[in-house]
């Protein structure tokens, strides 16, 4: 059980690393004007999203479900867990939005400014804070 929790936490941390760094790449990509720089960002974004982001998200979800099965009656009756799962659903949506932006940048079809991506980059911080509070404090 502890091994599953440990690896779940590893994948959570790695997934958040991707969700913190990828939008920061979008900020820099949106500011870049030279073609060589744009092509470099396309490669970095693609590899980060598909090579690390997707596997880490899947690892997080699979091991999270596995962890919940250890005491399913408790976890699925706890209000804090319902709130956490709602945030995880929003986080999955955010992850897919990042994927959409990776595809738009790859096609040179981005219409958002670097300022937009600076704000977009702050969203996972709020998700992480909320999840940590829910899991540690269990306010309800």
Protein backbone atom coordinates (compact mmCIF):
# COMPACT_ATOMS: atom_id res chain seq x y z
CA UNK A 1 0.00 0.00 0.00
CA UNK A 2 2.77 2.46 0.90
CA UNK A 3 4.60 1.71 -2.36
CA UNK A 4 1.49 2.56 -4.34
CA UNK A 5 1.05 5.82 -2.42
CA UNK A 6 4.73 6.69 -2.89
CA UNK A 7 4.58 6.18 -6.64
CA UNK A 8 1.26 8.03 -6.81
CA UNK A 9 2.90 11.01 -5.12
CA UNK A 10 5.91 10.74 -7.47
CA UNK A 11 3.64 10.92 -10.51
CA UNK A 12 1.65 13.81 -9.01
CA UNK A 13 4.85 15.82 -8.49
CA UNK A 14 6.13 15.02 -11.98
CA UNK A 15 2.78 15.88 -13.57
CA UNK A 16 2.69 19.22 -11.78
CA UNK A 17 6.25 19.90 -12.91
CA UNK A 18 4.99 19.54 -16.47
CA UNK A 19 1.93 21.72 -15.79
CA UNK A 20 4.16 24.43 -14.29
CA UNK A 21 6.81 24.35 -17.03
CA UNK A 22 4.75 23.84 -20.20
CA UNK A 23 2.71 27.06 -19.87
CA UNK A 24 5.97 28.90 -19.12
CA UNK A 25 7.25 27.60 -22.47
CA UNK A 26 4.06 29.01 -24.02
CA UNK A 27 4.93 32.43 -22.55
CA UNK A 28 8.36 32.37 -24.16
CA UNK A 29 7.06 30.86 -27.40
CA UNK A 30 4.42 33.57 -27.73
CA UNK A 31 7.17 36.19 -27.39
CA UNK A 32 9.55 34.56 -29.86
CA UNK A 33 9.83 36.10 -33.30
CA UNK A 34 12.65 34.14 -34.97
CA UNK A 35 11.84 30.90 -36.82
CA UNK A 36 14.65 28.87 -35.22
CA UNK A 37 13.36 29.80 -31.77
CA UNK A 38 9.78 28.92 -32.69
CA UNK A 39 10.84 25.53 -34.02
CA UNK A 40 12.86 24.85 -30.86
CA UNK A 41 9.85 25.64 -28.67
CA UNK A 42 7.61 23.38 -30.78
CA UNK A 43 9.95 20.45 -30.15
CA UNK A 44 10.26 21.18 -26.43
CA UNK A 45 6.50 21.57 -25.98
CA UNK A 46 5.69 18.40 -27.92
CA UNK A 47 8.23 16.28 -26.04
CA UNK A 48 7.23 17.65 -22.66
CA UNK A 49 3.49 17.20 -23.25
CA UNK A 50 3.55 13.77 -24.89
CA UNK A 51 6.77 12.33 -23.45
CA UNK A 52 6.32 13.34 -19.83
CA UNK A 53 2.94 15.01 -19.31
CA UNK A 54 0.69 12.27 -20.59
CA UNK A 55 2.52 9.37 -18.88
CA UNK A 56 2.63 11.28 -15.59
CA UNK A 57 -1.06 12.15 -15.77
CA UNK A 58 -1.94 8.52 -16.47
CA UNK A 59 0.37 7.29 -13.68
CA UNK A 60 -1.25 9.74 -11.27
CA UNK A 61 -4.76 8.65 -12.18
CA UNK A 62 -4.10 4.90 -12.21
CA UNK A 63 -2.22 4.90 -8.92
CA UNK A 64 -4.72 7.32 -7.36
CA UNK A 65 -7.59 4.97 -8.16
CA UNK A 66 -5.54 2.04 -6.88
CA UNK A 67 -4.82 3.92 -3.64
CA UNK A 68 -8.52 4.71 -3.21
CA UNK A 69 -9.38 0.99 -3.44
CA UNK A 70 -7.45 0.33 -0.22
CA UNK A 71 -10.26 1.99 1.76
CA UNK A 72 -12.93 2.78 -0.82
CA UNK A 73 -15.83 3.11 1.62
CA UNK A 74 -13.98 5.84 3.54
CA UNK A 75 -12.56 7.73 0.55
CA UNK A 76 -15.76 7.82 -1.44
CA UNK A 77 -17.87 8.93 1.53
CA UNK A 78 -15.51 11.77 2.53
CA UNK A 79 -16.52 15.26 1.42
CA UNK A 80 -12.91 16.38 1.03
CA UNK A 81 -12.33 13.52 -1.43
CA UNK A 82 -15.31 14.58 -3.54
CA UNK A 83 -13.88 18.11 -3.69
CA UNK A 84 -10.43 16.75 -4.52
CA UNK A 85 -11.81 14.60 -7.32
CA UNK A 86 -13.66 17.61 -8.73
CA UNK A 87 -10.37 19.52 -8.80
CA UNK A 88 -8.64 16.55 -10.43
CA UNK A 89 -11.29 16.62 -13.18
CA UNK A 90 -10.57 20.34 -13.67
CA UNK A 91 -6.84 19.57 -13.69
CA UNK A 92 -7.34 16.97 -16.42
CA UNK A 93 -9.22 19.63 -18.40
CA UNK A 94 -6.32 22.05 -17.88
CA UNK A 95 -3.91 19.36 -19.06
CA UNK A 96 -5.94 18.91 -22.24
CA UNK A 97 -6.05 22.69 -22.75
CA UNK A 98 -2.25 22.62 -22.65
CA UNK A 99 -2.38 19.91 -25.32
CA UNK A 100 -4.62 22.12 -27.43
CA UNK A 101 -2.08 24.96 -27.16
CA UNK A 102 0.77 22.60 -28.05
CA UNK A 103 -1.12 21.73 -31.24
CA UNK A 104 -1.91 25.39 -32.03
CA UNK A 105 1.71 26.44 -31.59
CA UNK A 106 2.81 23.49 -33.76
CA UNK A 107 0.58 24.81 -36.57
CA UNK A 108 1.70 28.42 -35.99
CA UNK A 109 -1.93 29.18 -35.16
CA UNK A 110 -1.59 30.61 -31.66
CA UNK A 111 -3.73 33.71 -31.10
CA UNK A 112 -3.00 34.26 -27.40
CA UNK A 113 -0.45 36.74 -26.03
CA UNK A 114 2.39 36.04 -23.65
CA UNK A 115 0.39 37.96 -21.01
CA UNK A 116 -2.48 35.49 -21.36
CA UNK A 117 -0.08 32.59 -20.87
CA UNK A 118 1.46 34.27 -17.82
CA UNK A 119 -1.99 34.16 -16.18
CA UNK A 120 -2.73 30.71 -17.59
CA UNK A 121 0.50 29.54 -15.95
CA UNK A 122 -0.86 30.37 -12.48
CA UNK A 123 -3.86 28.02 -12.64
CA UNK A 124 -2.06 24.80 -11.60
CA UNK A 125 -0.65 26.60 -8.54
CA UNK A 126 -4.20 27.16 -7.31
CA UNK A 127 -5.18 23.57 -8.07
CA UNK A 128 -2.15 22.24 -6.20
CA UNK A 129 -2.80 24.44 -3.18
CA UNK A 130 -6.43 23.34 -3.02
CA UNK A 131 -5.55 19.65 -3.33
CA UNK A 132 -2.88 19.86 -0.63
CA UNK A 133 -5.28 21.61 1.77
CA UNK A 134 -8.02 19.08 1.08
CA UNK A 135 -5.76 16.05 1.55
CA UNK A 136 -3.85 17.29 4.61
CA UNK A 137 -6.45 19.39 6.48
CA UNK A 138 -9.56 17.45 5.35
CA UNK A 139 -11.79 20.47 6.13
CA UNK A 140 -15.01 18.52 5.57
